[in-house]
Amino acid sequence: MTGLVRPDLRHHPSWASAVREFGEDGTTMHGGGLWDLDTRDLGRDALATEVERLLAQSDPATELPDGIVPCSYYWIVEGEEFLGYLAVRHALNDWLHDYGGHLGYSVRPSRRGEGHAGRALALGLDQARAIGLHRVLITCDEDNLASRRTIESAGASYEDTRDVKRRYWFDLD
């Protein structure tokens, strides 16, 4: 069954394999929080640095760079296999309000179409509720029909499209 765990080194081999898949597929690791990851170096030490940074970002005491909001990162797993990323942003800045949303997620290319995104979305909404969010924004690209179906199937209300981003809201109360 699909579940969420906090980033952890025990998933290193599966994580590295997934990152390579994203690179080969040319898709983005939405929800990964890995903006500066050098995909040429997917060793355990590189992951340890990233895990530490990702976990710190959910701590309100952590001083974050301008434009970065507190965020809880999770890894979507099935047993010990890394399936993808989920980010639960605690607040919205202007860019996130227009384009990024509270939740960002992606499933590794080889495991798409198996329902993992829908399960991760439901678990992400639970996490958003747990940190006190009452209304959650999620976005997807206009041409991403799979993501659109996942979001709409979960009961989100469509608000509008800005540039190429469809914007949806979930009321959690």
N, C-alpha and C. Protein backbone atom coordinates (compact mmCIF):
# COMPACT_ATOMS: atom_id res chain seq x y z
N MET A 1 0.84 -1.18 0.00
CA MET A 1 0.00 0.00 0.00
C MET A 1 0.89 1.24 0.00
N THR A 2 0.47 2.23 -0.73
CA THR A 2 1.19 3.50 -0.80
C THR A 2 1.14 4.20 0.55
N GLY A 3 2.29 4.70 1.01
CA GLY A 3 2.35 5.44 2.26
C GLY A 3 3.31 6.61 2.15
N LEU A 4 3.40 7.37 3.21
CA LEU A 4 4.33 8.50 3.28
C LEU A 4 5.32 8.27 4.40
N VAL A 5 6.57 8.62 4.15
CA VAL A 5 7.59 8.64 5.18
C VAL A 5 8.36 9.94 5.03
N ARG A 6 8.99 10.36 6.10
CA ARG A 6 9.88 11.51 6.02
C ARG A 6 11.13 11.07 5.27
N PRO A 7 11.79 11.98 4.54
CA PRO A 7 13.01 11.59 3.82
C PRO A 7 13.98 10.87 4.75
N ASP A 8 14.55 9.77 4.24
CA ASP A 8 15.37 8.92 5.08
C ASP A 8 16.40 8.20 4.21
N LEU A 9 17.62 8.09 4.71
CA LEU A 9 18.71 7.45 3.96
C LEU A 9 18.46 5.97 3.66
N ARG A 10 17.59 5.33 4.41
CA ARG A 10 17.36 3.90 4.16
C ARG A 10 16.78 3.65 2.76
N HIS A 11 16.23 4.68 2.14
CA HIS A 11 15.65 4.55 0.81
C HIS A 11 16.63 4.94 -0.29
N HIS A 12 17.90 5.11 0.06
CA HIS A 12 18.87 5.62 -0.90
C HIS A 12 18.90 4.89 -2.24
N PRO A 13 19.06 3.57 -2.30
CA PRO A 13 19.16 2.91 -3.61
C PRO A 13 17.92 3.14 -4.49
N SER A 14 16.75 3.02 -3.91
CA SER A 14 15.51 3.20 -4.66
C SER A 14 15.33 4.67 -5.05
N TRP A 15 15.70 5.59 -4.14
CA TRP A 15 15.63 7.02 -4.42
C TRP A 15 16.52 7.37 -5.61
N ALA A 16 17.76 6.92 -5.60
CA ALA A 16 18.71 7.23 -6.68
C ALA A 16 18.18 6.69 -8.01
N SER A 17 17.63 5.51 -8.00
CA SER A 17 17.05 4.93 -9.20
C SER A 17 15.91 5.80 -9.72
N ALA A 18 15.07 6.29 -8.82
CA ALA A 18 13.95 7.15 -9.23
C ALA A 18 14.44 8.47 -9.81
N VAL A 19 15.44 9.07 -9.18
CA VAL A 19 15.97 10.34 -9.70
C VAL A 19 16.49 10.15 -11.12
N ARG A 20 17.18 9.04 -11.36
CA ARG A 20 17.65 8.75 -12.72
C ARG A 20 16.47 8.60 -13.68
N GLU A 21 15.40 7.96 -13.23
CA GLU A 21 14.20 7.82 -14.07
C GLU A 21 13.63 9.18 -14.45
N PHE A 22 13.51 10.07 -13.46
CA PHE A 22 13.00 11.41 -13.75
C PHE A 22 13.88 12.09 -14.79
N GLY A 23 15.19 11.96 -14.65
CA GLY A 23 16.12 12.57 -15.59
C GLY A 23 15.97 12.00 -16.99
N GLU A 24 15.86 10.69 -17.08
CA GLU A 24 15.72 10.04 -18.39
C GLU A 24 14.38 10.38 -19.04
N ASP A 25 13.36 10.53 -18.22
CA ASP A 25 12.01 10.82 -18.70
C ASP A 25 11.86 12.31 -19.05
N GLY A 26 12.72 13.14 -18.48
CA GLY A 26 12.65 14.58 -18.71
C GLY A 26 11.54 15.26 -17.94
N THR A 27 11.01 14.60 -16.91
CA THR A 27 9.94 15.21 -16.12
C THR A 27 10.50 15.81 -14.84
N THR A 28 9.69 16.63 -14.21
CA THR A 28 10.10 17.35 -13.02
C THR A 28 9.77 16.57 -11.76
N MET A 29 10.62 16.69 -10.77
CA MET A 29 10.39 16.05 -9.48
C MET A 29 9.60 17.01 -8.59
N HIS A 30 8.34 17.33 -8.99
CA HIS A 30 7.48 18.20 -8.19
C HIS A 30 7.39 17.66 -6.78
N GLY A 31 7.53 18.54 -5.81
CA GLY A 31 7.44 18.11 -4.42
C GLY A 31 8.74 17.57 -3.86
N GLY A 32 9.77 17.52 -4.68
CA GLY A 32 11.03 16.96 -4.21
C GLY A 32 11.83 17.91 -3.37
N GLY A 33 11.69 19.21 -3.61
CA GLY A 33 12.48 20.19 -2.88
C GLY A 33 13.95 20.14 -3.23
N LEU A 34 14.28 19.49 -4.32
CA LEU A 34 15.68 19.26 -4.69
C LEU A 34 16.09 20.20 -5.82
N TRP A 35 16.05 21.48 -5.54
CA TRP A 35 16.30 22.48 -6.58
C TRP A 35 17.72 22.44 -7.10
N ASP A 36 18.67 22.23 -6.23
CA ASP A 36 20.08 22.30 -6.63
C ASP A 36 20.76 20.94 -6.67
N LEU A 37 19.99 19.88 -6.72
CA LEU A 37 20.56 18.54 -6.71
C LEU A 37 21.37 18.30 -7.98
N ASP A 38 22.61 17.89 -7.80
CA ASP A 38 23.46 17.51 -8.92
C ASP A 38 23.18 16.05 -9.22
N THR A 39 22.41 15.79 -10.27
CA THR A 39 22.00 14.42 -10.55
C THR A 39 23.16 13.56 -11.05
N ARG A 40 24.33 14.14 -11.21
CA ARG A 40 25.52 13.32 -11.53
C ARG A 40 26.07 12.67 -10.28
N ASP A 41 25.70 13.21 -9.10
CA ASP A 41 26.18 12.68 -7.84
C ASP A 41 24.98 12.25 -7.00
N LEU A 42 24.60 11.00 -7.11
CA LEU A 42 23.46 10.49 -6.36
C LEU A 42 23.90 9.56 -5.23
N GLY A 43 25.11 9.79 -4.75
CA GLY A 43 25.65 8.96 -3.68
C GLY A 43 24.96 9.20 -2.35
N ARG A 44 25.25 8.33 -1.41
CA ARG A 44 24.64 8.39 -0.09
C ARG A 44 24.97 9.71 0.63
N ASP A 45 26.18 10.23 0.46
CA ASP A 45 26.55 11.49 1.11
C ASP A 45 25.74 12.66 0.56
N ALA A 46 25.54 12.67 -0.76
CA ALA A 46 24.74 13.73 -1.37
C ALA A 46 23.30 13.67 -0.84
N LEU A 47 22.77 12.48 -0.73
CA LEU A 47 21.42 12.34 -0.21
C LEU A 47 21.35 12.76 1.26
N ALA A 48 22.36 12.43 2.04
CA ALA A 48 22.37 12.80 3.46
C ALA A 48 22.26 14.31 3.62
N THR A 49 22.99 15.05 2.79
CA THR A 49 22.93 16.51 2.83
C THR A 49 21.53 17.00 2.50
N GLU A 50 20.92 16.42 1.46
CA GLU A 50 19.58 16.83 1.04
C GLU A 50 18.53 16.47 2.09
N VAL A 51 18.63 15.29 2.68
CA VAL A 51 17.67 14.88 3.70
C VAL A 51 17.71 15.85 4.87
N GLU A 52 18.89 16.20 5.31
CA GLU A 52 19.04 17.15 6.42
C GLU A 52 18.37 18.48 6.09
N ARG A 53 18.62 18.98 4.88
CA ARG A 53 18.04 20.27 4.46
C ARG A 53 16.51 20.18 4.37
N LEU A 54 16.00 19.09 3.79
CA LEU A 54 14.56 18.94 3.63
C LEU A 54 13.86 18.85 4.99
N LEU A 55 14.42 18.09 5.91
CA LEU A 55 13.80 17.95 7.22
C LEU A 55 13.83 19.27 7.99
N ALA A 56 14.88 20.03 7.83
CA ALA A 56 14.99 21.32 8.54
C ALA A 56 13.94 22.32 8.06
N GLN A 57 13.53 22.21 6.81
CA GLN A 57 12.61 23.19 6.25
C GLN A 57 11.23 23.16 6.92
N SER A 58 10.88 22.06 7.58
CA SER A 58 9.59 22.01 8.26
C SER A 58 9.66 22.59 9.67
N ASP A 59 10.86 22.87 10.15
CA ASP A 59 11.06 23.40 11.50
C ASP A 59 10.90 24.92 11.48
N PRO A 60 9.92 25.46 12.23
CA PRO A 60 9.71 26.92 12.24
C PRO A 60 10.93 27.72 12.68
N ALA A 61 11.86 27.10 13.40
CA ALA A 61 13.06 27.79 13.87
C ALA A 61 14.11 27.93 12.77
N THR A 62 13.95 27.22 11.66
CA THR A 62 14.94 27.27 10.58
C THR A 62 14.77 28.56 9.79
N GLU A 63 15.89 29.27 9.62
CA GLU A 63 15.87 30.48 8.79
C GLU A 63 15.95 30.05 7.34
N LEU A 64 14.93 30.43 6.57
CA LEU A 64 14.83 30.01 5.18
C LEU A 64 15.22 31.14 4.23
N PRO A 65 15.73 30.79 3.06
CA PRO A 65 16.06 31.82 2.07
C PRO A 65 14.81 32.60 1.65
N ASP A 66 15.00 33.81 1.17
CA ASP A 66 13.88 34.61 0.68
C ASP A 66 13.10 33.82 -0.38
N GLY A 67 11.79 33.90 -0.28
CA GLY A 67 10.93 33.25 -1.26
C GLY A 67 10.62 31.81 -0.95
N ILE A 68 11.22 31.24 0.09
CA ILE A 68 10.99 29.84 0.46
C ILE A 68 10.12 29.83 1.72
N VAL A 69 9.04 29.05 1.69
CA VAL A 69 8.14 28.96 2.83
C VAL A 69 8.41 27.65 3.58
N PRO A 70 8.03 27.59 4.85
CA PRO A 70 8.16 26.32 5.57
C PRO A 70 7.40 25.22 4.82
N CYS A 71 7.99 24.04 4.81
CA CYS A 71 7.43 22.95 4.02
C CYS A 71 7.79 21.62 4.66
N SER A 72 6.83 20.72 4.74
CA SER A 72 7.08 19.36 5.20
C SER A 72 7.20 18.47 3.97
N TYR A 73 8.34 17.82 3.85
CA TYR A 73 8.58 16.93 2.71
C TYR A 73 8.36 15.48 3.13
N TYR A 74 7.78 14.75 2.22
CA TYR A 74 7.54 13.32 2.42
C TYR A 74 7.98 12.58 1.18
N TRP A 75 8.29 11.32 1.38
CA TRP A 75 8.55 10.45 0.26
C TRP A 75 7.41 9.46 0.17
N ILE A 76 6.93 9.28 -1.02
CA ILE A 76 5.86 8.33 -1.29
C ILE A 76 6.55 6.97 -1.45
N VAL A 77 6.12 6.00 -0.66
CA VAL A 77 6.76 4.69 -0.68
C VAL A 77 5.71 3.58 -0.74
N GLU A 78 6.18 2.45 -1.18
CA GLU A 78 5.41 1.21 -1.09
C GLU A 78 6.38 0.20 -0.51
N GLY A 79 6.17 -0.17 0.74
CA GLY A 79 7.17 -0.97 1.45
C GLY A 79 8.45 -0.15 1.56
N GLU A 80 9.54 -0.68 1.04
CA GLU A 80 10.81 0.04 1.06
C GLU A 80 11.13 0.70 -0.28
N GLU A 81 10.21 0.59 -1.25
CA GLU A 81 10.47 1.18 -2.57
C GLU A 81 10.04 2.65 -2.60
N PHE A 82 10.95 3.51 -3.01
CA PHE A 82 10.69 4.93 -3.19
C PHE A 82 9.87 5.10 -4.47
N LEU A 83 8.70 5.73 -4.34
CA LEU A 83 7.83 5.95 -5.50
C LEU A 83 7.78 7.39 -5.96
N GLY A 84 8.05 8.33 -5.06
CA GLY A 84 7.97 9.73 -5.47
C GLY A 84 8.05 10.68 -4.30
N TYR A 85 7.65 11.92 -4.57
CA TYR A 85 7.79 13.03 -3.63
C TYR A 85 6.45 13.66 -3.32
N LEU A 86 6.34 14.22 -2.13
CA LEU A 86 5.19 15.03 -1.74
C LEU A 86 5.69 16.17 -0.88
N ALA A 87 5.27 17.38 -1.20
CA ALA A 87 5.59 18.55 -0.40
C ALA A 87 4.28 19.15 0.12
N VAL A 88 4.25 19.46 1.41
CA VAL A 88 3.12 20.15 2.01
C VAL A 88 3.65 21.49 2.50
N ARG A 89 3.34 22.52 1.74
CA ARG A 89 3.81 23.87 2.08
C ARG A 89 2.88 24.47 3.12
N HIS A 90 3.46 25.02 4.17
CA HIS A 90 2.68 25.50 5.31
C HIS A 90 2.01 26.83 5.03
N ALA A 91 2.45 27.54 4.02
CA ALA A 91 1.90 28.85 3.68
C ALA A 91 2.13 29.08 2.18
N LEU A 92 1.53 30.13 1.69
CA LEU A 92 1.71 30.49 0.28
C LEU A 92 2.37 31.85 0.17
N ASN A 93 3.38 31.96 -0.69
CA ASN A 93 3.88 33.27 -1.09
C ASN A 93 3.16 33.63 -2.39
N ASP A 94 3.48 34.76 -3.00
CA ASP A 94 2.76 35.18 -4.21
C ASP A 94 2.88 34.16 -5.33
N TRP A 95 4.10 33.63 -5.54
CA TRP A 95 4.29 32.67 -6.63
C TRP A 95 3.51 31.39 -6.37
N LEU A 96 3.59 30.88 -5.15
CA LEU A 96 2.86 29.65 -4.82
C LEU A 96 1.35 29.86 -4.95
N HIS A 97 0.87 31.05 -4.58
CA HIS A 97 -0.56 31.34 -4.70
C HIS A 97 -1.02 31.30 -6.16
N ASP A 98 -0.19 31.75 -7.04
CA ASP A 98 -0.58 31.78 -8.46
C ASP A 98 -0.26 30.49 -9.19
N TYR A 99 0.85 29.82 -8.83
CA TYR A 99 1.33 28.72 -9.67
C TYR A 99 1.65 27.41 -8.95
N GLY A 100 2.08 27.46 -7.70
CA GLY A 100 2.62 26.26 -7.07
C GLY A 100 1.69 25.53 -6.12
N GLY A 101 0.93 26.28 -5.32
CA GLY A 101 0.00 25.67 -4.38
C GLY A 101 0.64 25.20 -3.09
N HIS A 102 -0.22 24.68 -2.22
CA HIS A 102 0.23 24.11 -0.94
C HIS A 102 0.85 22.73 -1.12
N LEU A 103 0.34 21.97 -2.09
CA LEU A 103 0.81 20.61 -2.29
C LEU A 103 1.50 20.47 -3.62
N GLY A 104 2.61 19.76 -3.61
CA GLY A 104 3.29 19.40 -4.85
C GLY A 104 3.70 17.95 -4.73
N TYR A 105 3.52 17.19 -5.79
CA TYR A 105 3.89 15.78 -5.72
C TYR A 105 4.22 15.27 -7.11
N SER A 106 4.96 14.19 -7.14
CA SER A 106 5.24 13.50 -8.40
C SER A 106 5.56 12.05 -8.10
N VAL A 107 5.21 11.20 -9.04
CA VAL A 107 5.44 9.77 -8.94
C VAL A 107 6.47 9.40 -10.00
N ARG A 108 7.41 8.54 -9.64
CA ARG A 108 8.46 8.13 -10.59
C ARG A 108 7.81 7.56 -11.85
N PRO A 109 8.41 7.82 -13.00
CA PRO A 109 7.80 7.43 -14.27
C PRO A 109 7.39 5.96 -14.38
N SER A 110 8.19 5.05 -13.86
CA SER A 110 7.87 3.63 -14.01
C SER A 110 6.69 3.17 -13.16
N ARG A 111 6.22 4.01 -12.23
CA ARG A 111 5.13 3.62 -11.34
C ARG A 111 3.88 4.49 -11.52
N ARG A 112 3.84 5.29 -12.57
CA ARG A 112 2.66 6.11 -12.84
C ARG A 112 1.52 5.24 -13.36
N GLY A 113 0.32 5.74 -13.18
CA GLY A 113 -0.86 5.05 -13.67
C GLY A 113 -1.32 3.91 -12.77
N GLU A 114 -0.77 3.83 -11.56
CA GLU A 114 -1.12 2.75 -10.63
C GLU A 114 -1.91 3.25 -9.43
N GLY A 115 -2.31 4.52 -9.43
CA GLY A 115 -3.09 5.07 -8.32
C GLY A 115 -2.29 5.68 -7.19
N HIS A 116 -0.96 5.69 -7.32
CA HIS A 116 -0.12 6.23 -6.23
C HIS A 116 -0.31 7.73 -6.04
N ALA A 117 -0.51 8.46 -7.11
CA ALA A 117 -0.69 9.92 -6.98
C ALA A 117 -1.96 10.23 -6.21
N GLY A 118 -3.03 9.54 -6.49
CA GLY A 118 -4.29 9.78 -5.78
C GLY A 118 -4.17 9.47 -4.30
N ARG A 119 -3.50 8.38 -3.98
CA ARG A 119 -3.30 8.02 -2.57
C ARG A 119 -2.39 9.04 -1.89
N ALA A 120 -1.34 9.45 -2.56
CA ALA A 120 -0.43 10.46 -1.99
C ALA A 120 -1.16 11.78 -1.79
N LEU A 121 -2.02 12.16 -2.73
CA LEU A 121 -2.78 13.39 -2.58
C LEU A 121 -3.67 13.32 -1.34
N ALA A 122 -4.38 12.21 -1.15
CA ALA A 122 -5.23 12.05 0.03
C ALA A 122 -4.40 12.14 1.31
N LEU A 123 -3.25 11.48 1.34
CA LEU A 123 -2.38 11.53 2.51
C LEU A 123 -1.82 12.94 2.72
N GLY A 124 -1.52 13.64 1.62
CA GLY A 124 -1.05 15.02 1.72
C GLY A 124 -2.10 15.94 2.31
N LEU A 125 -3.36 15.73 1.94
CA LEU A 125 -4.45 16.53 2.52
C LEU A 125 -4.56 16.26 4.01
N ASP A 126 -4.37 15.01 4.43
CA ASP A 126 -4.36 14.69 5.86
C ASP A 126 -3.24 15.43 6.57
N GLN A 127 -2.06 15.47 5.96
CA GLN A 127 -0.92 16.19 6.56
C GLN A 127 -1.20 17.69 6.63
N ALA A 128 -1.82 18.24 5.59
CA ALA A 128 -2.16 19.67 5.59
C ALA A 128 -3.13 19.98 6.72
N ARG A 129 -4.10 19.12 6.91
CA ARG A 129 -5.07 19.27 8.00
C ARG A 129 -4.34 19.22 9.35
N ALA A 130 -3.38 18.30 9.47
CA ALA A 130 -2.65 18.12 10.72
C ALA A 130 -1.82 19.34 11.10
N ILE A 131 -1.35 20.11 10.11
CA ILE A 131 -0.58 21.32 10.45
C ILE A 131 -1.47 22.55 10.57
N GLY A 132 -2.79 22.35 10.45
CA GLY A 132 -3.72 23.44 10.71
C GLY A 132 -4.23 24.18 9.49
N LEU A 133 -3.98 23.66 8.31
CA LEU A 133 -4.52 24.32 7.12
C LEU A 133 -6.00 23.97 6.98
N HIS A 134 -6.79 24.95 6.58
CA HIS A 134 -8.23 24.75 6.41
C HIS A 134 -8.64 24.75 4.95
N ARG A 135 -7.83 25.37 4.15
CA ARG A 135 -8.09 25.45 2.71
C ARG A 135 -6.77 25.25 2.00
N VAL A 136 -6.74 24.36 1.01
CA VAL A 136 -5.49 23.98 0.37
C VAL A 136 -5.59 24.17 -1.13
N LEU A 137 -4.58 24.84 -1.68
CA LEU A 137 -4.49 25.07 -3.12
C LEU A 137 -3.57 24.02 -3.74
N ILE A 138 -4.00 23.49 -4.87
CA ILE A 138 -3.15 22.60 -5.65
C ILE A 138 -3.27 23.01 -7.11
N THR A 139 -2.18 22.88 -7.84
CA THR A 139 -2.18 23.28 -9.25
C THR A 139 -1.66 22.15 -10.11
N CYS A 140 -1.97 22.25 -11.39
CA CYS A 140 -1.37 21.34 -12.36
C CYS A 140 -1.30 22.06 -13.70
N ASP A 141 -0.41 21.60 -14.55
CA ASP A 141 -0.31 22.17 -15.88
C ASP A 141 -1.58 21.88 -16.66
N GLU A 142 -1.98 22.83 -17.47
CA GLU A 142 -3.19 22.71 -18.28
C GLU A 142 -3.20 21.41 -19.09
N ASP A 143 -2.06 21.01 -19.61
CA ASP A 143 -2.02 19.83 -20.48
C ASP A 143 -1.73 18.52 -19.75
N ASN A 144 -1.67 18.55 -18.41
CA ASN A 144 -1.40 17.33 -17.64
C ASN A 144 -2.74 16.68 -17.26
N LEU A 145 -3.28 15.92 -18.18
CA LEU A 145 -4.60 15.34 -17.97
C LEU A 145 -4.63 14.34 -16.82
N ALA A 146 -3.56 13.57 -16.63
CA ALA A 146 -3.54 12.60 -15.54
C ALA A 146 -3.62 13.30 -14.19
N SER A 147 -2.84 14.37 -14.02
CA SER A 147 -2.87 15.11 -12.76
C SER A 147 -4.23 15.78 -12.57
N ARG A 148 -4.74 16.32 -13.63
CA ARG A 148 -6.06 16.97 -13.57
C ARG A 148 -7.13 15.97 -13.10
N ARG A 149 -7.13 14.77 -13.66
CA ARG A 149 -8.10 13.74 -13.26
C ARG A 149 -7.91 13.36 -11.79
N THR A 150 -6.64 13.24 -11.35
CA THR A 150 -6.38 12.89 -9.95
C THR A 150 -6.94 13.96 -9.02
N ILE A 151 -6.68 15.21 -9.31
CA ILE A 151 -7.13 16.32 -8.47
C ILE A 151 -8.65 16.41 -8.46
N GLU A 152 -9.25 16.33 -9.63
CA GLU A 152 -10.71 16.45 -9.71
C GLU A 152 -11.40 15.25 -9.05
N SER A 153 -10.83 14.06 -9.19
CA SER A 153 -11.39 12.86 -8.56
C SER A 153 -11.35 12.95 -7.04
N ALA A 154 -10.39 13.70 -6.52
CA ALA A 154 -10.25 13.86 -5.07
C ALA A 154 -11.22 14.89 -4.51
N GLY A 155 -11.98 15.57 -5.39
CA GLY A 155 -13.00 16.50 -4.93
C GLY A 155 -12.62 17.95 -4.87
N ALA A 156 -11.54 18.33 -5.53
CA ALA A 156 -11.13 19.73 -5.53
C ALA A 156 -12.10 20.57 -6.36
N SER A 157 -12.18 21.85 -6.01
CA SER A 157 -12.99 22.81 -6.76
C SER A 157 -12.09 23.65 -7.65
N TYR A 158 -12.37 23.62 -8.95
CA TYR A 158 -11.58 24.41 -9.91
C TYR A 158 -11.88 25.89 -9.69
N GLU A 159 -10.81 26.71 -9.64
CA GLU A 159 -10.99 28.16 -9.52
C GLU A 159 -10.74 28.87 -10.84
N ASP A 160 -9.52 28.69 -11.38
CA ASP A 160 -9.19 29.37 -12.63
C ASP A 160 -7.89 28.81 -13.19
N THR A 161 -7.50 29.33 -14.34
CA THR A 161 -6.21 28.99 -14.94
C THR A 161 -5.42 30.28 -15.07
N ARG A 162 -4.17 30.23 -14.60
CA ARG A 162 -3.27 31.38 -14.71
C ARG A 162 -2.08 30.93 -15.53
N ASP A 163 -1.87 31.60 -16.64
CA ASP A 163 -0.91 31.16 -17.65
C ASP A 163 -1.28 29.73 -18.03
N VAL A 164 -0.47 28.75 -17.71
CA VAL A 164 -0.79 27.37 -18.07
C VAL A 164 -1.11 26.52 -16.83
N LYS A 165 -1.32 27.16 -15.69
CA LYS A 165 -1.57 26.43 -14.44
C LYS A 165 -3.05 26.47 -14.08
N ARG A 166 -3.65 25.28 -13.97
CA ARG A 166 -5.01 25.15 -13.45
C ARG A 166 -4.92 25.18 -11.93
N ARG A 167 -5.79 25.95 -11.30
CA ARG A 167 -5.77 26.12 -9.85
C ARG A 167 -7.04 25.52 -9.24
N TYR A 168 -6.84 24.69 -8.23
CA TYR A 168 -7.94 24.01 -7.54
C TYR A 168 -7.81 24.21 -6.04
N TRP A 169 -8.94 24.21 -5.36
CA TRP A 169 -8.97 24.33 -3.90
C TRP A 169 -9.66 23.14 -3.26
N PHE A 170 -9.15 22.74 -2.12
CA PHE A 170 -9.78 21.76 -1.25
C PHE A 170 -10.16 22.48 0.04
N ASP A 171 -11.40 22.34 0.48
CA ASP A 171 -11.82 22.82 1.80
C ASP A 171 -11.68 21.64 2.75
N LEU A 172 -10.89 21.83 3.81
CA LEU A 172 -10.58 20.73 4.71
C LEU A 172 -11.44 20.69 5.96
N ASP A 173 -12.30 21.66 6.14
CA ASP A 173 -13.16 21.67 7.34
C ASP A 173 -14.39 20.82 7.14
